[in-house]
Amino acid sequence: MWAKVESDTITEIINRPKAMTIGDVQYPHNIFGLWSAAELEAIGIYEITIDSTNLKDSEYYINTDITYTYSSGAVTGTYGSATAKPLVDSGSGVTLVRGLKTAKKEIINN
């Protein structure tokens, strides 16, 4: 993954190589595989480094979305603090939120 950076601000997240127009120049999609990191950075495209320190097992935790930041010539994607899923059911009727205990029991019973 890459990020397009303009004026020290991330303006676009690029998930897969694509043709791009930067300034008045049209670049083909294959620059992402052919050019070095320094060449891409010269036109404002930086490779993203993902920090998975706070990423937890999504079966038991609710993870936050990734936040992307540009600092010191590098783009980093980080996760916020994960929240544990509830063990027991909460709420009632339409607003019932199933807990892990109920979900696991259903898997075992099936």
PDB file of N, CA and C in Angstrom:
ATOM      1  N   MET A   1       0.840  -1.170   0.000  1.00  0.00           N
ATOM      2  CA  MET A   1       0.000   0.000   0.000  1.00  0.00           C
ATOM      3  C   MET A   1       0.888   1.237   0.000  1.00  0.00           C
ATOM      4  N   TRP A   2       0.338   2.290  -0.609  1.00  0.00           N
ATOM      5  CA  TRP A   2       1.083   3.532  -0.705  1.00  0.00           C
ATOM      6  C   TRP A   2       0.170   4.694  -0.317  1.00  0.00           C
ATOM      7  N   ALA A   3       0.787   5.808  -0.022  1.00  0.00           N
ATOM      8  CA  ALA A   3       0.042   7.028   0.273  1.00  0.00           C
ATOM      9  C   ALA A   3       0.573   8.153  -0.606  1.00  0.00           C
ATOM     10  N   LYS A   4      -0.344   8.942  -1.118  1.00  0.00           N
ATOM     11  CA  LYS A   4       0.039  10.132  -1.876  1.00  0.00           C
ATOM     12  C   LYS A   4       0.086  11.290  -0.883  1.00  0.00           C
ATOM     13  N   VAL A   5       1.238  11.950  -0.808  1.00  0.00           N
ATOM     14  CA  VAL A   5       1.438  13.029   0.157  1.00  0.00           C
ATOM     15  C   VAL A   5       1.658  14.332  -0.605  1.00  0.00           C
ATOM     16  N   GLU A   6       0.882  15.345  -0.244  1.00  0.00           N
ATOM     17  CA  GLU A   6       1.023  16.674  -0.824  1.00  0.00           C
ATOM     18  C   GLU A   6       1.058  17.687   0.308  1.00  0.00           C
ATOM     19  N   SER A   7       2.073  18.552   0.320  1.00  0.00           N
ATOM     20  CA  SER A   7       2.224  19.587   1.358  1.00  0.00           C
ATOM     21  C   SER A   7       2.206  18.982   2.760  1.00  0.00           C
ATOM     22  N   ASP A   8       2.943  17.890   2.948  1.00  0.00           N
ATOM     23  CA  ASP A   8       3.054  17.185   4.235  1.00  0.00           C
ATOM     24  C   ASP A   8       1.720  16.658   4.759  1.00  0.00           C
ATOM     25  N   THR A   9       0.755  16.414   3.856  1.00  0.00           N
ATOM     26  CA  THR A   9      -0.546  15.880   4.233  1.00  0.00           C
ATOM     27  C   THR A   9      -0.877  14.702   3.321  1.00  0.00           C
ATOM     28  N   ILE A  10      -1.396  13.624   3.908  1.00  0.00           N
ATOM     29  CA  ILE A  10      -1.817  12.460   3.125  1.00  0.00           C
ATOM     30  C   ILE A  10      -3.112  12.825   2.408  1.00  0.00           C
ATOM     31  N   THR A  11      -3.093  12.753   1.072  1.00  0.00           N
ATOM     32  CA  THR A  11      -4.280  13.104   0.296  1.00  0.00           C
ATOM     33  C   THR A  11      -4.996  11.890  -0.282  1.00  0.00           C
ATOM     34  N   GLU A  12      -4.295  10.736  -0.331  1.00  0.00           N
ATOM     35  CA  GLU A  12      -4.918   9.540  -0.911  1.00  0.00           C
ATOM     36  C   GLU A  12      -4.183   8.296  -0.432  1.00  0.00           C
ATOM     37  N   ILE A  13      -4.950   7.246  -0.148  1.00  0.00           N
ATOM     38  CA  ILE A  13      -4.392   5.927   0.158  1.00  0.00           C
ATOM     39  C   ILE A  13      -4.567   5.080  -1.099  1.00  0.00           C
ATOM     40  N   ILE A  14      -3.479   4.466  -1.551  1.00  0.00           N
ATOM     41  CA  ILE A  14      -3.491   3.676  -2.782  1.00  0.00           C
ATOM     42  C   ILE A  14      -3.322   2.211  -2.400  1.00  0.00           C
ATOM     43  N   ASN A  15      -4.393   1.424  -2.533  1.00  0.00           N
ATOM     44  CA  ASN A  15      -4.366   0.013  -2.133  1.00  0.00           C
ATOM     45  C   ASN A  15      -3.663  -0.882  -3.138  1.00  0.00           C
ATOM     46  N   ARG A  16      -3.772  -0.549  -4.424  1.00  0.00           N
ATOM     47  CA  ARG A  16      -3.129  -1.347  -5.461  1.00  0.00           C
ATOM     48  C   ARG A  16      -2.630  -0.414  -6.555  1.00  0.00           C
ATOM     49  N   PRO A  17      -1.624  -0.831  -7.304  1.00  0.00           N
ATOM     50  CA  PRO A  17      -1.064   0.039  -8.344  1.00  0.00           C
ATOM     51  C   PRO A  17      -2.134   0.515  -9.318  1.00  0.00           C
ATOM     52  N   LYS A  18      -2.043   1.798  -9.679  1.00  0.00           N
ATOM     53  CA  LYS A  18      -2.979   2.358 -10.639  1.00  0.00           C
ATOM     54  C   LYS A  18      -2.295   3.515 -11.365  1.00  0.00           C
ATOM     55  N   ALA A  19      -2.794   3.841 -12.530  1.00  0.00           N
ATOM     56  CA  ALA A  19      -2.279   4.994 -13.265  1.00  0.00           C
ATOM     57  C   ALA A  19      -2.692   6.258 -12.519  1.00  0.00           C
ATOM     58  N   MET A  20      -1.796   7.247 -12.488  1.00  0.00           N
ATOM     59  CA  MET A  20      -2.063   8.466 -11.731  1.00  0.00           C
ATOM     60  C   MET A  20      -1.586   9.696 -12.499  1.00  0.00           C
ATOM     61  N   THR A  21      -2.269  10.792 -12.281  1.00  0.00           N
ATOM     62  CA  THR A  21      -1.819  12.075 -12.796  1.00  0.00           C
ATOM     63  C   THR A  21      -1.378  12.914 -11.611  1.00  0.00           C
ATOM     64  N   ILE A  22      -0.117  13.313 -11.607  1.00  0.00           N
ATOM     65  CA  ILE A  22       0.422  14.156 -10.551  1.00  0.00           C
ATOM     66  C   ILE A  22       0.982  15.393 -11.233  1.00  0.00           C
ATOM     67  N   GLY A  23       0.417  16.527 -10.882  1.00  0.00           N
ATOM     68  CA  GLY A  23       0.768  17.748 -11.603  1.00  0.00           C
ATOM     69  C   GLY A  23       0.216  17.645 -13.012  1.00  0.00           C
ATOM     70  N   ASP A  24       1.078  17.844 -13.996  1.00  0.00           N
ATOM     71  CA  ASP A  24       0.664  17.722 -15.401  1.00  0.00           C
ATOM     72  C   ASP A  24       1.158  16.431 -16.042  1.00  0.00           C
ATOM     73  N   VAL A  25       1.689  15.528 -15.225  1.00  0.00           N
ATOM     74  CA  VAL A  25       2.301  14.305 -15.753  1.00  0.00           C
ATOM     75  C   VAL A  25       1.411  13.102 -15.455  1.00  0.00           C
ATOM     76  N   GLN A  26       1.159  12.282 -16.478  1.00  0.00           N
ATOM     77  CA  GLN A  26       0.409  11.038 -16.337  1.00  0.00           C
ATOM     78  C   GLN A  26       1.411   9.902 -16.132  1.00  0.00           C
ATOM     79  N   TYR A  27       1.295   9.175 -15.015  1.00  0.00           N
ATOM     80  CA  TYR A  27       2.188   8.053 -14.718  1.00  0.00           C
ATOM     81  C   TYR A  27       1.429   6.745 -14.879  1.00  0.00           C
ATOM     82  N   PRO A  28       2.045   5.707 -15.481  1.00  0.00           N
ATOM     83  CA  PRO A  28       1.372   4.414 -15.630  1.00  0.00           C
ATOM     84  C   PRO A  28       1.371   3.647 -14.305  1.00  0.00           C
ATOM     85  N   HIS A  29       0.547   2.629 -14.228  1.00  0.00           N
ATOM     86  CA  HIS A  29       0.424   1.841 -12.998  1.00  0.00           C
ATOM     87  C   HIS A  29       1.704   1.092 -12.636  1.00  0.00           C
ATOM     88  N   ASN A  30       2.535   0.774 -13.623  1.00  0.00           N
ATOM     89  CA  ASN A  30       3.703  -0.066 -13.330  1.00  0.00           C
ATOM     90  C   ASN A  30       4.851   0.677 -12.646  1.00  0.00           C
ATOM     91  N   ILE A  31       4.713   1.978 -12.385  1.00  0.00           N
ATOM     92  CA  ILE A  31       5.768   2.679 -11.638  1.00  0.00           C
ATOM     93  C   ILE A  31       5.893   2.117 -10.230  1.00  0.00           C
ATOM     94  N   PHE A  32       4.799   1.563  -9.701  1.00  0.00           N
ATOM     95  CA  PHE A  32       4.826   1.028  -8.339  1.00  0.00           C
ATOM     96  C   PHE A  32       5.736  -0.193  -8.219  1.00  0.00           C
ATOM     97  N   GLY A  33       5.926  -0.921  -9.300  1.00  0.00           N
ATOM     98  CA  GLY A  33       6.790  -2.095  -9.283  1.00  0.00           C
ATOM     99  C   GLY A  33       8.172  -1.839  -9.857  1.00  0.00           C
ATOM    100  N   LEU A  34       8.276  -0.861 -10.736  1.00  0.00           N
ATOM    101  CA  LEU A  34       9.547  -0.616 -11.425  1.00  0.00           C
ATOM    102  C   LEU A  34      10.420   0.431 -10.738  1.00  0.00           C
ATOM    103  N   TRP A  35       9.815   1.408 -10.114  1.00  0.00           N
ATOM    104  CA  TRP A  35      10.578   2.503  -9.523  1.00  0.00           C
ATOM    105  C   TRP A  35      11.021   2.162  -8.100  1.00  0.00           C
ATOM    106  N   SER A  36      12.128   2.760  -7.705  1.00  0.00           N
ATOM    107  CA  SER A  36      12.616   2.591  -6.328  1.00  0.00           C
ATOM    108  C   SER A  36      11.775   3.456  -5.392  1.00  0.00           C
ATOM    109  N   ALA A  37      11.911   3.212  -4.100  1.00  0.00           N
ATOM    110  CA  ALA A  37      11.180   3.999  -3.110  1.00  0.00           C
ATOM    111  C   ALA A  37      11.559   5.475  -3.211  1.00  0.00           C
ATOM    112  N   ALA A  38      12.820   5.757  -3.457  1.00  0.00           N
ATOM    113  CA  ALA A  38      13.281   7.148  -3.564  1.00  0.00           C
ATOM    114  C   ALA A  38      12.655   7.849  -4.767  1.00  0.00           C
ATOM    115  N   GLU A  39      12.527   7.136  -5.879  1.00  0.00           N
ATOM    116  CA  GLU A  39      11.915   7.722  -7.073  1.00  0.00           C
ATOM    117  C   GLU A  39      10.429   8.017  -6.853  1.00  0.00           C
ATOM    118  N   LEU A  40       9.735   7.100  -6.178  1.00  0.00           N
ATOM    119  CA  LEU A  40       8.321   7.320  -5.877  1.00  0.00           C
ATOM    120  C   LEU A  40       8.161   8.490  -4.906  1.00  0.00           C
ATOM    121  N   GLU A  41       9.020   8.552  -3.896  1.00  0.00           N
ATOM    122  CA  GLU A  41       8.939   9.636  -2.918  1.00  0.00           C
ATOM    123  C   GLU A  41       9.187  10.991  -3.568  1.00  0.00           C
ATOM    124  N   ALA A  42      10.001  11.013  -4.608  1.00  0.00           N
ATOM    125  CA  ALA A  42      10.276  12.268  -5.313  1.00  0.00           C
ATOM    126  C   ALA A  42       9.023  12.869  -5.947  1.00  0.00           C
ATOM    127  N   ILE A  43       8.036  12.019  -6.280  1.00  0.00           N
ATOM    128  CA  ILE A  43       6.780  12.529  -6.840  1.00  0.00           C
ATOM    129  C   ILE A  43       5.654  12.520  -5.796  1.00  0.00           C
ATOM    130  N   GLY A  44       5.997  12.225  -4.525  1.00  0.00           N
ATOM    131  CA  GLY A  44       5.023  12.312  -3.442  1.00  0.00           C
ATOM    132  C   GLY A  44       4.290  11.041  -3.108  1.00  0.00           C
ATOM    133  N   ILE A  45       4.815   9.899  -3.518  1.00  0.00           N
ATOM    134  CA  ILE A  45       4.174   8.617  -3.201  1.00  0.00           C
ATOM    135  C   ILE A  45       5.075   7.846  -2.238  1.00  0.00           C
ATOM    136  N   TYR A  46       4.521   7.489  -1.069  1.00  0.00           N
ATOM    137  CA  TYR A  46       5.288   6.824  -0.017  1.00  0.00           C
ATOM    138  C   TYR A  46       4.686   5.459   0.290  1.00  0.00           C
ATOM    139  N   GLU A  47       5.555   4.483   0.516  1.00  0.00           N
ATOM    140  CA  GLU A  47       5.084   3.161   0.928  1.00  0.00           C
ATOM    141  C   GLU A  47       4.650   3.245   2.388  1.00  0.00           C
ATOM    142  N   ILE A  48       3.541   2.577   2.718  1.00  0.00           N
ATOM    143  CA  ILE A  48       2.996   2.618   4.075  1.00  0.00           C
ATOM    144  C   ILE A  48       3.555   1.467   4.895  1.00  0.00           C
ATOM    145  N   THR A  49       4.024   1.783   6.095  1.00  0.00           N
ATOM    146  CA  THR A  49       4.466   0.790   7.063  1.00  0.00           C
ATOM    147  C   THR A  49       3.339   0.621   8.084  1.00  0.00           C
ATOM    148  N   ILE A  50       2.871  -0.614   8.265  1.00  0.00           N
ATOM    149  CA  ILE A  50       1.769  -0.888   9.194  1.00  0.00           C
ATOM    150  C   ILE A  50       2.324  -1.324  10.542  1.00  0.00           C
ATOM    151  N   ASP A  51       1.869  -0.652  11.608  1.00  0.00           N
ATOM    152  CA  ASP A  51       2.229  -1.008  12.977  1.00  0.00           C
ATOM    153  C   ASP A  51       1.061  -1.804  13.563  1.00  0.00           C
ATOM    154  N   SER A  52       1.244  -3.115  13.728  1.00  0.00           N
ATOM    155  CA  SER A  52       0.171  -3.999  14.205  1.00  0.00           C
ATOM    156  C   SER A  52       0.231  -4.257  15.708  1.00  0.00           C
ATOM    157  N   THR A  53       0.930  -3.424  16.442  1.00  0.00           N
ATOM    158  CA  THR A  53       1.105  -3.632  17.880  1.00  0.00           C
ATOM    159  C   THR A  53      -0.223  -3.773  18.609  1.00  0.00           C
ATOM    160  N   ASN A  54      -1.200  -2.927  18.294  1.00  0.00           N
ATOM    161  CA  ASN A  54      -2.490  -2.949  18.996  1.00  0.00           C
ATOM    162  C   ASN A  54      -3.534  -3.839  18.333  1.00  0.00           C
ATOM    163  N   LEU A  55      -3.203  -4.478  17.224  1.00  0.00           N
ATOM    164  CA  LEU A  55      -4.153  -5.335  16.527  1.00  0.00           C
ATOM    165  C   LEU A  55      -4.333  -6.645  17.291  1.00  0.00           C
ATOM    166  N   LYS A  56      -5.584  -6.956  17.630  1.00  0.00           N
ATOM    167  CA  LYS A  56      -5.896  -8.171  18.387  1.00  0.00           C
ATOM    168  C   LYS A  56      -6.758  -9.104  17.535  1.00  0.00           C
ATOM    169  N   ASP A  57      -6.933 -10.340  17.996  1.00  0.00           N
ATOM    170  CA  ASP A  57      -7.755 -11.337  17.318  1.00  0.00           C
ATOM    171  C   ASP A  57      -9.195 -10.828  17.210  1.00  0.00           C
ATOM    172  N   SER A  58      -9.681 -10.632  15.982  1.00  0.00           N
ATOM    173  CA  SER A  58     -11.008 -10.047  15.771  1.00  0.00           C
ATOM    174  C   SER A  58     -12.151 -10.957  16.211  1.00  0.00           C
ATOM    175  N   GLU A  59     -11.848 -12.199  16.523  1.00  0.00           N
ATOM    176  CA  GLU A  59     -12.887 -13.092  17.048  1.00  0.00           C
ATOM    177  C   GLU A  59     -13.253 -12.703  18.483  1.00  0.00           C
ATOM    178  N   TYR A  60     -12.317 -12.115  19.208  1.00  0.00           N
ATOM    179  CA  TYR A  60     -12.525 -11.790  20.616  1.00  0.00           C
ATOM    180  C   TYR A  60     -12.445 -10.294  20.920  1.00  0.00           C
ATOM    181  N   TYR A  61     -11.986  -9.486  19.963  1.00  0.00           N
ATOM    182  CA  TYR A  61     -11.810  -8.054  20.186  1.00  0.00           C
ATOM    183  C   TYR A  61     -12.414  -7.242  19.046  1.00  0.00           C
ATOM    184  N   ILE A  62     -12.799  -6.034  19.348  1.00  0.00           N
ATOM    185  CA  ILE A  62     -13.242  -5.078  18.345  1.00  0.00           C
ATOM    186  C   ILE A  62     -12.068  -4.134  18.109  1.00  0.00           C
ATOM    187  N   ASN A  63     -11.475  -4.219  16.917  1.00  0.00           N
ATOM    188  CA  ASN A  63     -10.329  -3.390  16.577  1.00  0.00           C
ATOM    189  C   ASN A  63     -10.800  -2.069  15.972  1.00  0.00           C
ATOM    190  N   THR A  64      -9.996  -1.038  16.150  1.00  0.00           N
ATOM    191  CA  THR A  64     -10.314   0.244  15.536  1.00  0.00           C
ATOM    192  C   THR A  64      -9.837   0.229  14.085  1.00  0.00           C
ATOM    193  N   ASP A  65     -10.248   1.214  13.318  1.00  0.00           N
ATOM    194  CA  ASP A  65      -9.745   1.375  11.961  1.00  0.00           C
ATOM    195  C   ASP A  65      -8.298   1.857  12.023  1.00  0.00           C
ATOM    196  N   ILE A  66      -7.578   1.675  10.935  1.00  0.00           N
ATOM    197  CA  ILE A  66      -6.192   2.138  10.867  1.00  0.00           C
ATOM    198  C   ILE A  66      -6.184   3.653  10.686  1.00  0.00           C
ATOM    199  N   THR A  67      -5.270   4.315  11.396  1.00  0.00           N
ATOM    200  CA  THR A  67      -5.048   5.743  11.239  1.00  0.00           C
ATOM    201  C   THR A  67      -3.701   5.926  10.564  1.00  0.00           C
ATOM    202  N   TYR A  68      -3.677   6.701   9.489  1.00  0.00           N
ATOM    203  CA  TYR A  68      -2.447   6.923   8.735  1.00  0.00           C
ATOM    204  C   TYR A  68      -1.865   8.285   9.085  1.00  0.00           C
ATOM    205  N   THR A  69      -0.542   8.318   9.300  1.00  0.00           N
ATOM    206  CA  THR A  69       0.133   9.570   9.602  1.00  0.00           C
ATOM    207  C   THR A  69       1.400   9.697   8.770  1.00  0.00           C
ATOM    208  N   TYR A  70       1.727  10.938   8.429  1.00  0.00           N
ATOM    209  CA  TYR A  70       2.955  11.239   7.696  1.00  0.00           C
ATOM    210  C   TYR A  70       3.841  12.053   8.624  1.00  0.00           C
ATOM    211  N   SER A  71       5.065  11.562   8.827  1.00  0.00           N
ATOM    212  CA  SER A  71       6.006  12.263   9.696  1.00  0.00           C
ATOM    213  C   SER A  71       7.423  11.872   9.324  1.00  0.00           C
ATOM    214  N   SER A  72       8.305  12.837   9.265  1.00  0.00           N
ATOM    215  CA  SER A  72       9.734  12.616   8.995  1.00  0.00           C
ATOM    216  C   SER A  72       9.973  11.803   7.727  1.00  0.00           C
ATOM    217  N   GLY A  73       9.214  12.063   6.686  1.00  0.00           N
ATOM    218  CA  GLY A  73       9.419  11.391   5.416  1.00  0.00           C
ATOM    219  C   GLY A  73       8.952   9.953   5.365  1.00  0.00           C
ATOM    220  N   ALA A  74       8.035   9.556   6.257  1.00  0.00           N
ATOM    221  CA  ALA A  74       7.514   8.187   6.273  1.00  0.00           C
ATOM    222  C   ALA A  74       6.018   8.210   6.593  1.00  0.00           C
ATOM    223  N   VAL A  75       5.298   7.243   6.026  1.00  0.00           N
ATOM    224  CA  VAL A  75       3.869   7.099   6.302  1.00  0.00           C
ATOM    225  C   VAL A  75       3.681   5.820   7.116  1.00  0.00           C
ATOM    226  N   THR A  76       2.972   5.951   8.237  1.00  0.00           N
ATOM    227  CA  THR A  76       2.737   4.819   9.131  1.00  0.00           C
ATOM    228  C   THR A  76       1.244   4.652   9.358  1.00  0.00           C
ATOM    229  N   GLY A  77       0.785   3.402   9.329  1.00  0.00           N
ATOM    230  CA  GLY A  77      -0.600   3.075   9.656  1.00  0.00           C
ATOM    231  C   GLY A  77      -0.624   2.386  11.006  1.00  0.00           C
ATOM    232  N   THR A  78      -1.416   2.892  11.945  1.00  0.00           N
ATOM    233  CA  THR A  78      -1.477   2.308  13.286  1.00  0.00           C
ATOM    234  C   THR A  78      -2.926   2.038  13.687  1.00  0.00           C
ATOM    235  N   TYR A  79      -3.112   1.020  14.503  1.00  0.00           N
ATOM    236  CA  TYR A  79      -4.411   0.687  15.066  1.00  0.00           C
ATOM    237  C   TYR A  79      -4.504   1.313  16.449  1.00  0.00           C
ATOM    238  N   GLY A  80      -5.708   1.731  16.826  1.00  0.00           N
ATOM    239  CA  GLY A  80      -5.942   2.223  18.180  1.00  0.00           C
ATOM    240  C   GLY A  80      -6.104   1.044  19.125  1.00  0.00           C
ATOM    241  N   SER A  81      -6.459   1.333  20.355  1.00  0.00           N
ATOM    242  CA  SER A  81      -6.642   0.277  21.359  1.00  0.00           C
ATOM    243  C   SER A  81      -7.872  -0.574  21.029  1.00  0.00           C
ATOM    244  N   ALA A  82      -7.711  -1.882  21.115  1.00  0.00           N
ATOM    245  CA  ALA A  82      -8.808  -2.818  20.858  1.00  0.00           C
ATOM    246  C   ALA A  82      -9.680  -2.937  22.102  1.00  0.00           C
ATOM    247  N   THR A  83     -10.974  -3.209  21.882  1.00  0.00           N
ATOM    248  CA  THR A  83     -11.918  -3.389  22.977  1.00  0.00           C
ATOM    249  C   THR A  83     -12.374  -4.840  22.986  1.00  0.00           C
ATOM    250  N   ALA A  84     -12.355  -5.458  24.170  1.00  0.00           N
ATOM    251  CA  ALA A  84     -12.785  -6.853  24.289  1.00  0.00           C
ATOM    252  C   ALA A  84     -14.283  -6.962  24.017  1.00  0.00           C
ATOM    253  N   LYS A  85     -14.684  -7.997  23.267  1.00  0.00           N
ATOM    254  CA  LYS A  85     -16.106  -8.243  23.022  1.00  0.00           C
ATOM    255  C   LYS A  85     -16.723  -8.743  24.325  1.00  0.00           C
ATOM    256  N   PRO A  86     -18.006  -8.437  24.575  1.00  0.00           N
ATOM    257  CA  PRO A  86     -18.644  -8.868  25.822  1.00  0.00           C
ATOM    258  C   PRO A  86     -18.812 -10.384  25.871  1.00  0.00           C
ATOM    259  N   LEU A  87     -18.675 -10.944  27.067  1.00  0.00           N
ATOM    260  CA  LEU A  87     -18.845 -12.382  27.242  1.00  0.00           C
ATOM    261  C   LEU A  87     -20.313 -12.777  27.283  1.00  0.00           C
ATOM    262  N   VAL A  88     -21.134 -11.958  27.923  1.00  0.00           N
ATOM    263  CA  VAL A  88     -22.553 -12.300  28.093  1.00  0.00           C
ATOM    264  C   VAL A  88     -23.422 -11.386  27.239  1.00  0.00           C
ATOM    265  N   ASP A  89     -24.659 -11.829  26.971  1.00  0.00           N
ATOM    266  CA  ASP A  89     -25.614 -11.038  26.207  1.00  0.00           C
ATOM    267  C   ASP A  89     -25.985  -9.778  26.984  1.00  0.00           C
ATOM    268  N   SER A  90     -26.301  -8.722  26.238  1.00  0.00           N
ATOM    269  CA  SER A  90     -26.771  -7.490  26.886  1.00  0.00           C
ATOM    270  C   SER A  90     -27.924  -6.926  26.071  1.00  0.00           C
ATOM    271  N   GLY A  91     -28.737  -6.105  26.718  1.00  0.00           N
ATOM    272  CA  GLY A  91     -29.903  -5.541  26.051  1.00  0.00           C
ATOM    273  C   GLY A  91     -31.038  -6.546  26.021  1.00  0.00           C
ATOM    274  N   SER A  92     -32.096  -6.214  25.277  1.00  0.00           N
ATOM    275  CA  SER A  92     -33.238  -7.131  25.157  1.00  0.00           C
ATOM    276  C   SER A  92     -34.011  -6.810  23.894  1.00  0.00           C
ATOM    277  N   GLY A  93     -34.765  -7.776  23.424  1.00  0.00           N
ATOM    278  CA  GLY A  93     -35.610  -7.580  22.256  1.00  0.00           C
ATOM    279  C   GLY A  93     -34.815  -7.203  21.016  1.00  0.00           C
ATOM    280  N   VAL A  94     -35.149  -6.079  20.425  1.00  0.00           N
ATOM    281  CA  VAL A  94     -34.530  -5.627  19.179  1.00  0.00           C
ATOM    282  C   VAL A  94     -33.069  -5.227  19.400  1.00  0.00           C
ATOM    283  N   THR A  95     -32.744  -4.734  20.584  1.00  0.00           N
ATOM    284  CA  THR A  95     -31.388  -4.242  20.856  1.00  0.00           C
ATOM    285  C   THR A  95     -30.496  -5.287  21.519  1.00  0.00           C
ATOM    286  N   LEU A  96     -30.863  -6.558  21.418  1.00  0.00           N
ATOM    287  CA  LEU A  96     -30.063  -7.618  22.033  1.00  0.00           C
ATOM    288  C   LEU A  96     -28.694  -7.730  21.352  1.00  0.00           C
ATOM    289  N   VAL A  97     -27.638  -7.681  22.139  1.00  0.00           N
ATOM    290  CA  VAL A  97     -26.280  -7.859  21.642  1.00  0.00           C
ATOM    291  C   VAL A  97     -25.779  -9.185  22.187  1.00  0.00           C
ATOM    292  N   ARG A  98     -25.535 -10.121  21.252  1.00  0.00           N
ATOM    293  CA  ARG A  98     -25.088 -11.450  21.679  1.00  0.00           C
ATOM    294  C   ARG A  98     -23.647 -11.398  22.168  1.00  0.00           C
ATOM    295  N   GLY A  99     -23.408 -12.057  23.284  1.00  0.00           N
ATOM    296  CA  GLY A  99     -22.064 -12.142  23.819  1.00  0.00           C
ATOM    297  C   GLY A  99     -21.323 -13.336  23.246  1.00  0.00           C
ATOM    298  N   LEU A 100     -20.043 -13.422  23.547  1.00  0.00           N
ATOM    299  CA  LEU A 100     -19.210 -14.526  23.057  1.00  0.00           C
ATOM    300  C   LEU A 100     -19.705 -15.875  23.555  1.00  0.00           C
ATOM    301  N   LYS A 101     -20.204 -15.904  24.773  1.00  0.00           N
ATOM    302  CA  LYS A 101     -20.673 -17.162  25.363  1.00  0.00           C
ATOM    303  C   LYS A 101     -21.803 -17.765  24.518  1.00  0.00           C
ATOM    304  N   THR A 102     -22.789 -16.949  24.162  1.00  0.00           N
ATOM    305  CA  THR A 102     -23.924 -17.417  23.359  1.00  0.00           C
ATOM    306  C   THR A 102     -23.447 -17.859  21.970  1.00  0.00           C
ATOM    307  N   ALA A 103     -22.579 -17.071  21.354  1.00  0.00           N
ATOM    308  CA  ALA A 103     -22.086 -17.402  20.006  1.00  0.00           C
ATOM    309  C   ALA A 103     -21.337 -18.712  20.012  1.00  0.00           C
ATOM    310  N   LYS A 104     -20.500 -18.946  20.999  1.00  0.00           N
ATOM    311  CA  LYS A 104     -19.717 -20.196  21.064  1.00  0.00           C
ATOM    312  C   LYS A 104     -20.615 -21.393  21.361  1.00  0.00           C
ATOM    313  N   LYS A 105     -21.619 -21.210  22.204  1.00  0.00           N
ATOM    314  CA  LYS A 105     -22.559 -22.295  22.491  1.00  0.00           C
ATOM    315  C   LYS A 105     -23.302 -22.718  21.226  1.00  0.00           C
ATOM    316  N   GLU A 106     -23.699 -21.744  20.410  1.00  0.00           N
ATOM    317  CA  GLU A 106     -24.403 -22.054  19.161  1.00  0.00           C
ATOM    318  C   GLU A 106     -23.502 -22.842  18.209  1.00  0.00           C
ATOM    319  N   ILE A 107     -22.255 -22.485  18.158  1.00  0.00           N
ATOM    320  CA  ILE A 107     -21.295 -23.218  17.288  1.00  0.00           C
ATOM    321  C   ILE A 107     -21.161 -24.659  17.751  1.00  0.00           C
ATOM    322  N   ILE A 108     -21.049 -24.850  19.039  1.00  0.00           N
ATOM    323  CA  ILE A 108     -20.895 -26.212  19.604  1.00  0.00           C
ATOM    324  C   ILE A 108     -22.172 -27.020  19.376  1.00  0.00           C
ATOM    325  N   ASN A 109     -23.333 -26.424  19.576  1.00  0.00           N
ATOM    326  CA  ASN A 109     -24.597 -27.127  19.408  1.00  0.00           C
ATOM    327  C   ASN A 109     -24.859 -27.510  17.955  1.00  0.00           C
ATOM    328  N   ASN A 110     -24.374 -26.717  17.022  1.00  0.00           N
ATOM    329  CA  ASN A 110     -24.574 -27.031  15.619  1.00  0.00           C
ATOM    330  C   ASN A 110     -23.610 -28.112  15.177  1.00  0.00           C
TER     331      ASN A 110
END
